[in-house]
PDB file of N, CA and C in Angstrom:
ATOM      1  N   UNK A   1       0.778  -1.075  -0.390  1.00  0.00           N
ATOM      2  CA  UNK A   1       0.110   0.025   0.626  1.00  0.00           C
ATOM      3  C   UNK A   1       0.782   1.200  -0.202  1.00  0.00           C
ATOM      4  N   UNK A   2       0.499   2.202  -0.947  1.00  0.00           N
ATOM      5  CA  UNK A   2       1.188   3.069  -1.094  1.00  0.00           C
ATOM      6  C   UNK A   2       1.110   4.138   0.247  1.00  0.00           C
ATOM      7  N   UNK A   3       2.503   5.005   0.472  1.00  0.00           N
ATOM      8  CA  UNK A   3       1.721   5.990   1.651  1.00  0.00           C
ATOM      9  C   UNK A   3       1.123   7.055   1.096  1.00  0.00           C
ATOM     10  N   UNK A   4       0.545   7.349   2.229  1.00  0.00           N
ATOM     11  CA  UNK A   4      -0.846   8.873   2.264  1.00  0.00           C
ATOM     12  C   UNK A   4      -0.451   9.732   2.995  1.00  0.00           C
ATOM     13  N   UNK A   5      -0.549  10.871   3.040  1.00  0.00           N
ATOM     14  CA  UNK A   5      -0.564  11.999   3.988  1.00  0.00           C
ATOM     15  C   UNK A   5      -1.477  12.075   4.572  1.00  0.00           C
ATOM     16  N   UNK A   6      -1.806  12.251   6.098  1.00  0.00           N
ATOM     17  CA  UNK A   6      -2.857  12.580   6.799  1.00  0.00           C
ATOM     18  C   UNK A   6      -3.008  13.987   5.946  1.00  0.00           C
ATOM     19  N   UNK A   7      -4.562  14.017   6.380  1.00  0.00           N
ATOM     20  CA  UNK A   7      -5.050  14.890   6.358  1.00  0.00           C
ATOM     21  C   UNK A   7      -5.064  16.295   6.574  1.00  0.00           C
ATOM     22  N   UNK A   8      -4.288  16.429   8.314  1.00  0.00           N
ATOM     23  CA  UNK A   8      -3.555  17.832   8.794  1.00  0.00           C
ATOM     24  C   UNK A   8      -2.748  17.788   7.484  1.00  0.00           C
ATOM     25  N   UNK A   9      -1.664  16.672   7.280  1.00  0.00           N
ATOM     26  CA  UNK A   9      -0.604  17.311   6.336  1.00  0.00           C
ATOM     27  C   UNK A   9      -1.053  17.806   4.995  1.00  0.00           C
ATOM     28  N   UNK A  10      -2.155  17.045   4.277  1.00  0.00           N
ATOM     29  CA  UNK A  10      -2.095  17.990   2.626  1.00  0.00           C
ATOM     30  C   UNK A  10      -2.984  19.692   3.675  1.00  0.00           C
ATOM     31  N   UNK A  11      -4.021  19.347   4.359  1.00  0.00           N
ATOM     32  CA  UNK A  11      -4.470  20.666   4.567  1.00  0.00           C
ATOM     33  C   UNK A  11      -3.233  21.821   5.405  1.00  0.00           C
ATOM     34  N   UNK A  12      -1.871  21.671   5.760  1.00  0.00           N
ATOM     35  CA  UNK A  12      -0.781  22.094   6.180  1.00  0.00           C
ATOM     36  C   UNK A  12      -0.345  22.807   5.013  1.00  0.00           C
ATOM     37  N   UNK A  13      -0.443  21.890   4.364  1.00  0.00           N
ATOM     38  CA  UNK A  13       0.728  21.963   2.707  1.00  0.00           C
ATOM     39  C   UNK A  13      -0.113  23.210   1.872  1.00  0.00           C
ATOM     40  N   UNK A  14      -1.617  22.782   1.745  1.00  0.00           N
ATOM     41  CA  UNK A  14      -2.654  23.690   1.205  1.00  0.00           C
ATOM     42  C   UNK A  14      -2.771  24.678   1.176  1.00  0.00           C
ATOM     43  N   UNK A  15      -2.125  25.000   2.457  1.00  0.00           N
ATOM     44  CA  UNK A  15      -2.474  26.462   2.765  1.00  0.00           C
ATOM     45  C   UNK A  15      -1.492  27.557   2.546  1.00  0.00           C
ATOM     46  N   UNK A  16       0.194  26.303   2.858  1.00  0.00           N
ATOM     47  CA  UNK A  16       1.526  27.158   2.095  1.00  0.00           C
ATOM     48  C   UNK A  16       1.145  27.158   0.462  1.00  0.00           C
ATOM     49  N   UNK A  17       0.354  27.197  -0.169  1.00  0.00           N
ATOM     50  CA  UNK A  17      -0.269  26.590  -1.526  1.00  0.00           C
ATOM     51  C   UNK A  17      -0.695  28.273  -1.583  1.00  0.00           C
ATOM     52  N   UNK A  18      -1.756  27.718  -1.163  1.00  0.00           N
ATOM     53  CA  UNK A  18      -2.699  28.978  -1.726  1.00  0.00           C
ATOM     54  C   UNK A  18      -2.440  30.088  -0.980  1.00  0.00           C
ATOM     55  N   UNK A  19      -1.637  30.424   0.212  1.00  0.00           N
ATOM     56  CA  UNK A  19      -0.732  31.402   0.303  1.00  0.00           C
ATOM     57  C   UNK A  19       0.265  32.033  -0.531  1.00  0.00           C
ATOM     58  N   UNK A  20       1.045  31.186  -1.488  1.00  0.00           N
ATOM     59  CA  UNK A  20       1.845  31.425  -2.190  1.00  0.00           C
ATOM     60  C   UNK A  20       1.390  31.867  -3.535  1.00  0.00           C
ATOM     61  N   UNK A  21       0.475  31.082  -3.989  1.00  0.00           N
ATOM     62  CA  UNK A  21      -0.060  31.677  -5.154  1.00  0.00           C
ATOM     63  C   UNK A  21      -1.215  32.801  -5.325  1.00  0.00           C
ATOM     64  N   UNK A  22      -1.210  32.661  -3.975  1.00  0.00           N
ATOM     65  CA  UNK A  22      -1.740  34.722  -3.564  1.00  0.00           C
ATOM     66  C   UNK A  22      -0.887  35.409  -3.874  1.00  0.00           C
ATOM     67  N   UNK A  23      -0.038  35.227  -3.353  1.00  0.00           N
ATOM     68  CA  UNK A  23       1.297  35.974  -2.959  1.00  0.00           C
ATOM     69  C   UNK A  23       1.879  36.301  -4.358  1.00  0.00           C
ATOM     70  N   UNK A  24       1.961  35.725  -5.260  1.00  0.00           N
ATOM     71  CA  UNK A  24       2.712  35.896  -6.543  1.00  0.00           C
ATOM     72  C   UNK A  24       1.359  35.886  -7.478  1.00  0.00           C
ATOM     73  N   UNK A  25       0.458  35.594  -6.670  1.00  0.00           N
ATOM     74  CA  UNK A  25      -0.469  36.369  -8.264  1.00  0.00           C
ATOM     75  C   UNK A  25      -1.064  34.974  -9.706  1.00  0.00           C
ATOM     76  N   UNK A  26      -0.795  33.980  -9.024  1.00  0.00           N
ATOM     77  CA  UNK A  26      -0.881  32.543  -9.658  1.00  0.00           C
ATOM     78  C   UNK A  26      -2.468  32.382 -10.237  1.00  0.00           C
ATOM     79  N   UNK A  27      -3.304  33.098  -9.541  1.00  0.00           N
ATOM     80  CA  UNK A  27      -4.329  32.817  -9.861  1.00  0.00           C
ATOM     81  C   UNK A  27      -4.800  34.186  -9.552  1.00  0.00           C
ATOM     82  N   UNK A  28      -6.314  34.241  -9.367  1.00  0.00           N
ATOM     83  CA  UNK A  28      -6.873  35.555  -9.131  1.00  0.00           C
ATOM     84  C   UNK A  28      -7.136  35.585  -7.443  1.00  0.00           C
ATOM     85  N   UNK A  29      -6.450  37.186  -7.404  1.00  0.00           N
ATOM     86  CA  UNK A  29      -5.772  37.302  -6.121  1.00  0.00           C
ATOM     87  C   UNK A  29      -7.389  37.573  -5.365  1.00  0.00           C
ATOM     88  N   UNK A  30      -7.066  36.572  -3.319  1.00  0.00           N
ATOM     89  CA  UNK A  30      -7.767  36.719  -2.640  1.00  0.00           C
ATOM     90  C   UNK A  30      -7.442  37.002  -1.674  1.00  0.00           C
ATOM     91  N   UNK A  31      -8.358  37.719  -0.687  1.00  0.00           N
ATOM     92  CA  UNK A  31      -7.828  37.971   0.830  1.00  0.00           C
ATOM     93  C   UNK A  31      -8.374  38.006   1.818  1.00  0.00           C
ATOM     94  N   UNK A  32      -8.542  36.284   1.515  1.00  0.00           N
ATOM     95  CA  UNK A  32      -9.349  35.312   2.775  1.00  0.00           C
ATOM     96  C   UNK A  32      -7.974  34.168   2.990  1.00  0.00           C
ATOM     97  N   UNK A  33      -8.193  33.644   4.085  1.00  0.00           N
ATOM     98  CA  UNK A  33      -7.687  32.473   4.383  1.00  0.00           C
ATOM     99  C   UNK A  33      -8.310  31.933   3.489  1.00  0.00           C
ATOM    100  N   UNK A  34      -6.881  30.180   3.944  1.00  0.00           N
ATOM    101  CA  UNK A  34      -7.030  29.245   2.911  1.00  0.00           C
ATOM    102  C   UNK A  34      -9.004  28.278   3.252  1.00  0.00           C
ATOM    103  N   UNK A  35      -9.455  28.568   4.409  1.00  0.00           N
ATOM    104  CA  UNK A  35     -10.258  28.351   4.992  1.00  0.00           C
ATOM    105  C   UNK A  35     -11.728  28.819   4.586  1.00  0.00           C
ATOM    106  N   UNK A  36     -11.464  30.540   4.166  1.00  0.00           N
ATOM    107  CA  UNK A  36     -12.299  31.013   3.758  1.00  0.00           C
ATOM    108  C   UNK A  36     -12.734  31.174   2.660  1.00  0.00           C
ATOM    109  N   UNK A  37     -11.752  30.420   1.900  1.00  0.00           N
ATOM    110  CA  UNK A  37     -11.498  30.433   0.042  1.00  0.00           C
ATOM    111  C   UNK A  37     -12.766  29.364  -0.208  1.00  0.00           C
ATOM    112  N   UNK A  38     -12.398  28.647   0.374  1.00  0.00           N
ATOM    113  CA  UNK A  38     -13.040  26.949   0.229  1.00  0.00           C
ATOM    114  C   UNK A  38     -14.271  26.854   0.991  1.00  0.00           C
ATOM    115  N   UNK A  39     -14.385  28.021   1.587  1.00  0.00           N
ATOM    116  CA  UNK A  39     -15.506  27.370   2.764  1.00  0.00           C
ATOM    117  C   UNK A  39     -16.822  27.153   1.823  1.00  0.00           C
ATOM    118  N   UNK A  40     -16.982  28.012   1.266  1.00  0.00           N
ATOM    119  CA  UNK A  40     -18.324  28.268   0.299  1.00  0.00           C
ATOM    120  C   UNK A  40     -18.600  27.257  -0.908  1.00  0.00           C
ATOM    121  N   UNK A  41     -17.062  26.528  -1.412  1.00  0.00           N
ATOM    122  CA  UNK A  41     -17.007  25.609  -2.538  1.00  0.00           C
ATOM    123  C   UNK A  41     -15.908  24.348  -2.065  1.00  0.00           C
ATOM    124  N   UNK A  42     -16.686  23.297  -0.979  1.00  0.00           N
ATOM    125  CA  UNK A  42     -16.106  22.065  -0.647  1.00  0.00           C
ATOM    126  C   UNK A  42     -15.733  21.791  -1.573  1.00  0.00           C
ATOM    127  N   UNK A  43     -16.536  21.142  -3.358  1.00  0.00           N
ATOM    128  CA  UNK A  43     -15.592  20.542  -4.181  1.00  0.00           C
ATOM    129  C   UNK A  43     -14.119  21.440  -5.101  1.00  0.00           C
ATOM    130  N   UNK A  44     -14.467  22.543  -5.304  1.00  0.00           N
ATOM    131  CA  UNK A  44     -13.105  22.983  -5.353  1.00  0.00           C
ATOM    132  C   UNK A  44     -11.767  22.492  -4.077  1.00  0.00           C
ATOM    133  N   UNK A  45     -11.822  22.923  -2.648  1.00  0.00           N
ATOM    134  CA  UNK A  45     -10.981  22.439  -1.801  1.00  0.00           C
ATOM    135  C   UNK A  45     -10.878  21.066  -1.608  1.00  0.00           C
ATOM    136  N   UNK A  46     -11.710  20.244  -2.172  1.00  0.00           N
ATOM    137  CA  UNK A  46     -11.577  19.093  -2.264  1.00  0.00           C
ATOM    138  C   UNK A  46     -10.150  18.705  -3.564  1.00  0.00           C
ATOM    139  N   UNK A  47     -10.926  19.371  -4.583  1.00  0.00           N
ATOM    140  CA  UNK A  47      -9.806  19.371  -5.613  1.00  0.00           C
ATOM    141  C   UNK A  47      -8.126  19.909  -5.640  1.00  0.00           C
ATOM    142  N   UNK A  48      -8.274  21.118  -4.821  1.00  0.00           N
ATOM    143  CA  UNK A  48      -7.179  21.177  -4.384  1.00  0.00           C
ATOM    144  C   UNK A  48      -6.655  20.537  -3.699  1.00  0.00           C
ATOM    145  N   UNK A  49      -7.128  20.652  -2.694  1.00  0.00           N
ATOM    146  CA  UNK A  49      -6.128  19.530  -1.612  1.00  0.00           C
ATOM    147  C   UNK A  49      -6.106  18.114  -1.962  1.00  0.00           C
ATOM    148  N   UNK A  50      -6.225  17.781  -2.875  1.00  0.00           N
ATOM    149  CA  UNK A  50      -6.557  16.108  -3.679  1.00  0.00           C
ATOM    150  C   UNK A  50      -4.977  16.464  -4.947  1.00  0.00           C
ATOM    151  N   UNK A  51      -4.533  17.442  -5.409  1.00  0.00           N
ATOM    152  CA  UNK A  51      -3.269  18.087  -5.838  1.00  0.00           C
ATOM    153  C   UNK A  51      -2.638  18.235  -4.998  1.00  0.00           C
ATOM    154  N   UNK A  52      -2.622  18.768  -3.801  1.00  0.00           N
ATOM    155  CA  UNK A  52      -1.923  18.745  -3.291  1.00  0.00           C
ATOM    156  C   UNK A  52      -1.281  17.455  -1.898  1.00  0.00           C
ATOM    157  N   UNK A  53      -2.229  16.949  -2.274  1.00  0.00           N
ATOM    158  CA  UNK A  53      -2.065  15.488  -2.163  1.00  0.00           C
ATOM    159  C   UNK A  53      -1.133  14.252  -2.908  1.00  0.00           C
ATOM    160  N   UNK A  54      -1.714  14.868  -3.564  1.00  0.00           N
ATOM    161  CA  UNK A  54      -0.842  13.788  -4.512  1.00  0.00           C
ATOM    162  C   UNK A  54       0.755  14.399  -4.633  1.00  0.00           C
ATOM    163  N   UNK A  55       1.471  15.877  -4.796  1.00  0.00           N
ATOM    164  CA  UNK A  55       2.166  16.500  -4.775  1.00  0.00           C
ATOM    165  C   UNK A  55       3.259  15.830  -3.591  1.00  0.00           C
ATOM    166  N   UNK A  56       2.253  15.768  -2.183  1.00  0.00           N
ATOM    167  CA  UNK A  56       3.426  15.063  -1.027  1.00  0.00           C
ATOM    168  C   UNK A  56       3.697  13.547  -1.475  1.00  0.00           C
ATOM    169  N   UNK A  57       2.666  12.654  -1.599  1.00  0.00           N
ATOM    170  CA  UNK A  57       2.988  11.342  -1.918  1.00  0.00           C
ATOM    171  C   UNK A  57       4.362  11.136  -3.227  1.00  0.00           C
ATOM    172  N   UNK A  58       4.236  12.218  -4.418  1.00  0.00           N
ATOM    173  CA  UNK A  58       5.105  12.005  -5.297  1.00  0.00           C
ATOM    174  C   UNK A  58       6.549  12.838  -4.586  1.00  0.00           C
ATOM    175  N   UNK A  59       6.217  13.427  -3.510  1.00  0.00           N
ATOM    176  CA  UNK A  59       7.411  13.545  -2.618  1.00  0.00           C
ATOM    177  C   UNK A  59       8.321  12.649  -2.089  1.00  0.00           C
ATOM    178  N   UNK A  60       7.519  12.570  -1.243  1.00  0.00           N
ATOM    179  CA  UNK A  60       7.770  11.063  -0.369  1.00  0.00           C
ATOM    180  C   UNK A  60       8.317   9.779  -1.315  1.00  0.00           C
ATOM    181  N   UNK A  61       7.866   9.479  -2.284  1.00  0.00           N
ATOM    182  CA  UNK A  61       8.457   8.768  -3.172  1.00  0.00           C
ATOM    183  C   UNK A  61       9.952   9.190  -3.770  1.00  0.00           C
ATOM    184  N   UNK A  62       9.403  10.104  -4.050  1.00  0.00           N
ATOM    185  CA  UNK A  62      11.231  10.349  -4.666  1.00  0.00           C
ATOM    186  C   UNK A  62      12.346  10.072  -3.521  1.00  0.00           C
ATOM    187  N   UNK A  63      11.750  10.692  -2.553  1.00  0.00           N
ATOM    188  CA  UNK A  63      12.268  11.024  -1.164  1.00  0.00           C
ATOM    189  C   UNK A  63      13.098   9.438  -1.017  1.00  0.00           C
ATOM    190  N   UNK A  64      11.874   8.039  -0.633  1.00  0.00           N
ATOM    191  CA  UNK A  64      11.743   6.706  -0.795  1.00  0.00           C
ATOM    192  C   UNK A  64      13.020   6.505  -1.793  1.00  0.00           C
ATOM    193  N   UNK A  65      13.484   6.781  -2.923  1.00  0.00           N
ATOM    194  CA  UNK A  65      14.006   6.601  -4.109  1.00  0.00           C
ATOM    195  C   UNK A  65      15.055   6.332  -3.761  1.00  0.00           C
ATOM    196  N   UNK A  66      15.988   7.889  -3.626  1.00  0.00           N
ATOM    197  CA  UNK A  66      16.848   8.107  -2.545  1.00  0.00           C
ATOM    198  C   UNK A  66      17.620   7.744  -1.959  1.00  0.00           C
ATOM    199  N   UNK A  67      16.957   6.947  -1.225  1.00  0.00           N
ATOM    200  CA  UNK A  67      17.064   6.624   0.299  1.00  0.00           C
ATOM    201  C   UNK A  67      17.962   4.952   0.318  1.00  0.00           C
TER     202      UNK A  67
END
């Protein structure tokens, strides 16, 4: 079974990505927090968190391959 990050790890990393994306204007700027951005759109939160989860899993796999 493949390693999976915890929900807390995914949400922590998603907050970092959301903050960086807003700062660098990778998407429409928001003045709201990660939680506020997705409070009204659970599908968008699920999709965003899914992308972050895949990133964390890929990073874990890459790290495991080099050790």
